[in-house]
Every structure is written in structure tokens, then in C-alpha cells.
C-alpha atoms as a PDB file:
ATOM      1  CA  UNK A   1     140.040 108.455  98.829  1.00  0.00           C
ATOM      2  CA  UNK A   2     138.457 111.868  97.932  1.00  0.00           C
ATOM      3  CA  UNK A   3     141.935 113.924  95.860  1.00  0.00           C
ATOM      4  CA  UNK A   4     142.082 117.789  95.159  1.00  0.00           C
ATOM      5  CA  UNK A   5     144.245 119.806  93.531  1.00  0.00           C
ATOM      6  CA  UNK A   6     145.274 123.610  94.701  1.00  0.00           C
ATOM      7  CA  UNK A   7     146.823 125.894  92.037  1.00  0.00           C
ATOM      8  CA  UNK A   8     150.075 127.388  94.028  1.00  0.00           C
ATOM      9  CA  UNK A   9     150.612 130.823  92.684  1.00  0.00           C
ATOM     10  CA  UNK A  10     154.280 132.720  92.547  1.00  0.00           C
ATOM     11  CA  UNK A  11     154.652 136.388  92.477  1.00  0.00           C
ATOM     12  CA  UNK A  12     157.592 138.350  91.896  1.00  0.00           C
ATOM     13  CA  UNK A  13     157.205 140.373  94.843  1.00  0.00           C
ATOM     14  CA  UNK A  14     153.512 141.710  94.510  1.00  0.00           C
ATOM     15  CA  UNK A  15     152.085 138.688  95.991  1.00  0.00           C
ATOM     16  CA  UNK A  16     150.618 141.459  99.003  1.00  0.00           C
ATOM     17  CA  UNK A  17     148.342 143.511  95.763  1.00  0.00           C
ATOM     18  CA  UNK A  18     147.713 139.769  94.766  1.00  0.00           C
ATOM     19  CA  UNK A  19     145.880 138.663  98.533  1.00  0.00           C
ATOM     20  CA  UNK A  20     144.201 142.299  98.014  1.00  0.00           C
ATOM     21  CA  UNK A  21     143.079 142.190  94.588  1.00  0.00           C
ATOM     22  CA  UNK A  22     141.883 137.807  95.109  1.00  0.00           C
ATOM     23  CA  UNK A  23     139.573 138.856  98.236  1.00  0.00           C
ATOM     24  CA  UNK A  24     138.569 140.864  96.478  1.00  0.00           C
ATOM     25  CA  UNK A  25     137.320 139.255  93.546  1.00  0.00           C
ATOM     26  CA  UNK A  26     136.229 136.214  95.794  1.00  0.00           C
ATOM     27  CA  UNK A  27     135.240 137.996  98.586  1.00  0.00           C
ATOM     28  CA  UNK A  28     136.426 136.194 100.516  1.00  0.00           C
ATOM     29  CA  UNK A  29     138.842 136.363 103.030  1.00  0.00           C
ATOM     30  CA  UNK A  30     143.435 135.655 103.576  1.00  0.00           C
ATOM     31  CA  UNK A  31     145.762 134.381 105.276  1.00  0.00           C
ATOM     32  CA  UNK A  32     149.310 135.395 104.990  1.00  0.00           C
ATOM     33  CA  UNK A  33     152.224 134.739 106.581  1.00  0.00           C
ATOM     34  CA  UNK A  34     155.648 136.787 105.446  1.00  0.00           C
ATOM     35  CA  UNK A  35     159.322 136.116 105.232  1.00  0.00           C
ATOM     36  CA  UNK A  36     160.525 137.582 108.717  1.00  0.00           C
ATOM     37  CA  UNK A  37     157.344 135.363 110.192  1.00  0.00           C
ATOM     38  CA  UNK A  38     159.763 132.495 110.125  1.00  0.00           C
ATOM     39  CA  UNK A  39     161.269 130.943 112.910  1.00  0.00           C
ATOM     40  CA  UNK A  40     164.886 132.451 113.771  1.00  0.00           C
ATOM     41  CA  UNK A  41     167.488 130.000 111.790  1.00  0.00           C
ATOM     42  CA  UNK A  42     165.526 129.954 109.259  1.00  0.00           C
ATOM     43  CA  UNK A  43     166.512 129.241 106.781  1.00  0.00           C
ATOM     44  CA  UNK A  44     164.397 131.138 104.528  1.00  0.00           C
ATOM     45  CA  UNK A  45     164.161 134.077 107.337  1.00  0.00           C
ATOM     46  CA  UNK A  46     168.314 134.474 106.797  1.00  0.00           C
ATOM     47  CA  UNK A  47     167.245 137.477 103.982  1.00  0.00           C
ATOM     48  CA  UNK A  48     166.631 140.499 105.343  1.00  0.00           C
ATOM     49  CA  UNK A  49     165.739 141.432 100.786  1.00  0.00           C
ATOM     50  CA  UNK A  50     162.920 138.803 101.235  1.00  0.00           C
ATOM     51  CA  UNK A  51     161.253 139.846 104.851  1.00  0.00           C
ATOM     52  CA  UNK A  52     158.296 141.794 103.773  1.00  0.00           C
ATOM     53  CA  UNK A  53     157.384 139.113 101.274  1.00  0.00           C
ATOM     54  CA  UNK A  54     154.507 136.679 100.849  1.00  0.00           C
ATOM     55  CA  UNK A  55     156.026 133.881 102.036  1.00  0.00           C
ATOM     56  CA  UNK A  56     152.409 131.693 102.345  1.00  0.00           C
ATOM     57  CA  UNK A  57     149.458 133.638 101.558  1.00  0.00           C
ATOM     58  CA  UNK A  58     145.776 131.413 100.790  1.00  0.00           C
ATOM     59  CA  UNK A  59     142.484 132.006 101.009  1.00  0.00           C
ATOM     60  CA  UNK A  60     139.418 129.622 101.135  1.00  0.00           C
ATOM     61  CA  UNK A  61     136.769 130.017  98.498  1.00  0.00           C
ATOM     62  CA  UNK A  62     134.939 127.753 100.050  1.00  0.00           C
ATOM     63  CA  UNK A  63     134.753 124.192 102.928  1.00  0.00           C
ATOM     64  CA  UNK A  64     136.997 122.387 100.004  1.00  0.00           C
ATOM     65  CA  UNK A  65     138.529 124.415  97.764  1.00  0.00           C
ATOM     66  CA  UNK A  66     141.399 126.897  98.639  1.00  0.00           C
ATOM     67  CA  UNK A  67     144.276 128.762  96.531  1.00  0.00           C
ATOM     68  CA  UNK A  68     147.418 129.548  97.365  1.00  0.00           C
ATOM     69  CA  UNK A  69     149.715 132.075  96.746  1.00  0.00           C
ATOM     70  CA  UNK A  70     153.100 133.192  97.872  1.00  0.00           C
ATOM     71  CA  UNK A  71     156.404 135.685  96.715  1.00  0.00           C
ATOM     72  CA  UNK A  72     159.489 134.071  94.696  1.00  0.00           C
ATOM     73  CA  UNK A  73     161.937 136.911  94.023  1.00  0.00           C
ATOM     74  CA  UNK A  74     163.119 135.947  90.207  1.00  0.00           C
ATOM     75  CA  UNK A  75     160.335 133.901  89.097  1.00  0.00           C
ATOM     76  CA  UNK A  76     159.152 133.692  86.080  1.00  0.00           C
ATOM     77  CA  UNK A  77     155.516 135.653  84.786  1.00  0.00           C
ATOM     78  CA  UNK A  78     152.275 133.389  84.478  1.00  0.00           C
ATOM     79  CA  UNK A  79     151.940 132.297  80.844  1.00  0.00           C
ATOM     80  CA  UNK A  80     149.467 131.063  78.285  1.00  0.00           C
ATOM     81  CA  UNK A  81     150.408 127.527  79.320  1.00  0.00           C
ATOM     82  CA  UNK A  82     148.701 127.163  82.242  1.00  0.00           C
ATOM     83  CA  UNK A  83     144.413 128.075  83.206  1.00  0.00           C
ATOM     84  CA  UNK A  84     142.696 127.685  86.444  1.00  0.00           C
ATOM     85  CA  UNK A  85     139.041 127.083  86.079  1.00  0.00           C
ATOM     86  CA  UNK A  86     136.620 127.881  88.749  1.00  0.00           C
ATOM     87  CA  UNK A  87     132.835 126.128  88.468  1.00  0.00           C
ATOM     88  CA  UNK A  88     129.881 127.440  90.264  1.00  0.00           C
ATOM     89  CA  UNK A  89     126.933 127.055  91.154  1.00  0.00           C
ATOM     90  CA  UNK A  90     124.723 129.993  89.764  1.00  0.00           C
ATOM     91  CA  UNK A  91     125.302 132.347  86.556  1.00  0.00           C
ATOM     92  CA  UNK A  92     124.827 134.989  88.942  1.00  0.00           C
ATOM     93  CA  UNK A  93     128.303 133.673  91.504  1.00  0.00           C
ATOM     94  CA  UNK A  94     129.969 133.736  88.183  1.00  0.00           C
ATOM     95  CA  UNK A  95     129.849 136.146  86.521  1.00  0.00           C
ATOM     96  CA  UNK A  96     130.285 138.439  89.611  1.00  0.00           C
ATOM     97  CA  UNK A  97     133.643 136.867  90.118  1.00  0.00           C
ATOM     98  CA  UNK A  98     133.890 137.177  86.047  1.00  0.00           C
ATOM     99  CA  UNK A  99     133.923 141.059  86.158  1.00  0.00           C
ATOM    100  CA  UNK A 100     135.896 141.232  89.440  1.00  0.00           C
ATOM    101  CA  UNK A 101     138.972 139.472  87.960  1.00  0.00           C
ATOM    102  CA  UNK A 102     138.482 141.105  84.720  1.00  0.00           C
ATOM    103  CA  UNK A 103     139.213 144.272  86.167  1.00  0.00           C
ATOM    104  CA  UNK A 104     142.178 145.594  84.423  1.00  0.00           C
ATOM    105  CA  UNK A 105     142.850 142.540  82.944  1.00  0.00           C
ATOM    106  CA  UNK A 106     141.681 141.385  79.429  1.00  0.00           C
ATOM    107  CA  UNK A 107     138.439 139.543  79.015  1.00  0.00           C
ATOM    108  CA  UNK A 108     138.739 136.654  76.111  1.00  0.00           C
ATOM    109  CA  UNK A 109     136.232 135.603  75.771  1.00  0.00           C
ATOM    110  CA  UNK A 110     133.334 137.125  77.010  1.00  0.00           C
ATOM    111  CA  UNK A 111     131.107 134.682  79.942  1.00  0.00           C
ATOM    112  CA  UNK A 112     128.276 133.018  78.163  1.00  0.00           C
ATOM    113  CA  UNK A 113     125.937 130.961  77.196  1.00  0.00           C
ATOM    114  CA  UNK A 114     127.801 127.808  75.332  1.00  0.00           C
ATOM    115  CA  UNK A 115     126.954 123.977  73.793  1.00  0.00           C
ATOM    116  CA  UNK A 116     129.220 122.771  76.745  1.00  0.00           C
ATOM    117  CA  UNK A 117     128.043 124.738  79.324  1.00  0.00           C
ATOM    118  CA  UNK A 118     125.263 126.805  80.888  1.00  0.00           C
ATOM    119  CA  UNK A 119     127.709 129.020  80.758  1.00  0.00           C
ATOM    120  CA  UNK A 120     131.254 129.961  80.460  1.00  0.00           C
ATOM    121  CA  UNK A 121     133.596 132.507  79.910  1.00  0.00           C
ATOM    122  CA  UNK A 122     137.786 132.917  79.787  1.00  0.00           C
ATOM    123  CA  UNK A 123     139.559 135.971  80.900  1.00  0.00           C
ATOM    124  CA  UNK A 124     143.598 137.198  82.111  1.00  0.00           C
ATOM    125  CA  UNK A 125     143.726 138.963  85.255  1.00  0.00           C
ATOM    126  CA  UNK A 126     145.871 142.349  85.686  1.00  0.00           C
ATOM    127  CA  UNK A 127     148.543 139.983  87.718  1.00  0.00           C
ATOM    128  CA  UNK A 128     148.698 137.825  84.329  1.00  0.00           C
ATOM    129  CA  UNK A 129     146.318 134.645  85.457  1.00  0.00           C
ATOM    130  CA  UNK A 130     144.802 133.051  82.672  1.00  0.00           C
ATOM    131  CA  UNK A 131     141.072 132.122  84.753  1.00  0.00           C
ATOM    132  CA  UNK A 132     138.193 130.074  83.112  1.00  0.00           C
ATOM    133  CA  UNK A 133     134.692 130.704  84.524  1.00  0.00           C
ATOM    134  CA  UNK A 134     131.937 127.967  84.258  1.00  0.00           C
ATOM    135  CA  UNK A 135     128.551 127.239  86.116  1.00  0.00           C
ATOM    136  CA  UNK A 136     127.467 123.501  86.459  1.00  0.00           C
ATOM    137  CA  UNK A 137     123.945 124.179  87.277  1.00  0.00           C
ATOM    138  CA  UNK A 138     122.131 121.229  89.473  1.00  0.00           C
END
């Protein structure tokens, strides 16, 4: 049996901006629907203040991995207790994503060769999400 872990990133009203940023960073398309897209009578569609917020969004990174997104009003800010690590099979792809994610953010460890990986770096993106980028070349 195969097991996957998918991160579900909850934003405080700025999920639409985040989806646009990550589409560019990962060179991938997102899909999403808003609270107003919920069926009539559904409790989630009742609050008009939420109608344009993202109820669920996702970006498919490859054939087996997705990142999930949503708006959750009053959600706490992201913090350093959780980091998302992405493993790539080439340095070029890792560097491209690392550079894109770091725009407007903070590089906490420049991407380079380390003893445990051919290429590894960490950053906090402009939304406050901690990322690790690594390479496992076959």
C-alpha cells in the first residue's frame, strides 16, 4: 500500500494571492473553488463575508504530489514549527523553485552542496511558510 502526505496550507483571506505565487514558483496550474461555489443550503455557502474566499485549491506538482490550499478566516500565522521539504531529481529544477519561492521572502540557508545532499537550502517565503529544497539524483 502506498501512502502520501499532502500539505494543506490555510491562509487568512489571501489564498488567491498565494495560489498565483505558487503557480509561478512551481510552473504549474492551480484549480480552486470559492465558498460561494458551495451548493445552496450548504452551511459553508451561508456566510456572505466568505463568498470570495478560497474554500479549496490545489496545485499538482507532479503525477503523485499535490499541495492543497484554502482560506480560513482568523487562522494563526505560519511559524517555524513546520517546514515543507520538496525533493527534486535535478539541481536545475531545485534551484529554479528555490529562487522563485524566495522572492519577497528570507533565505535562511542558501542552496548548495551539503554532506547529506547533493543540493539543499531553506527559506521562508513571503507568506511565512518554511521550505526546504533538496535534490536526490538517481
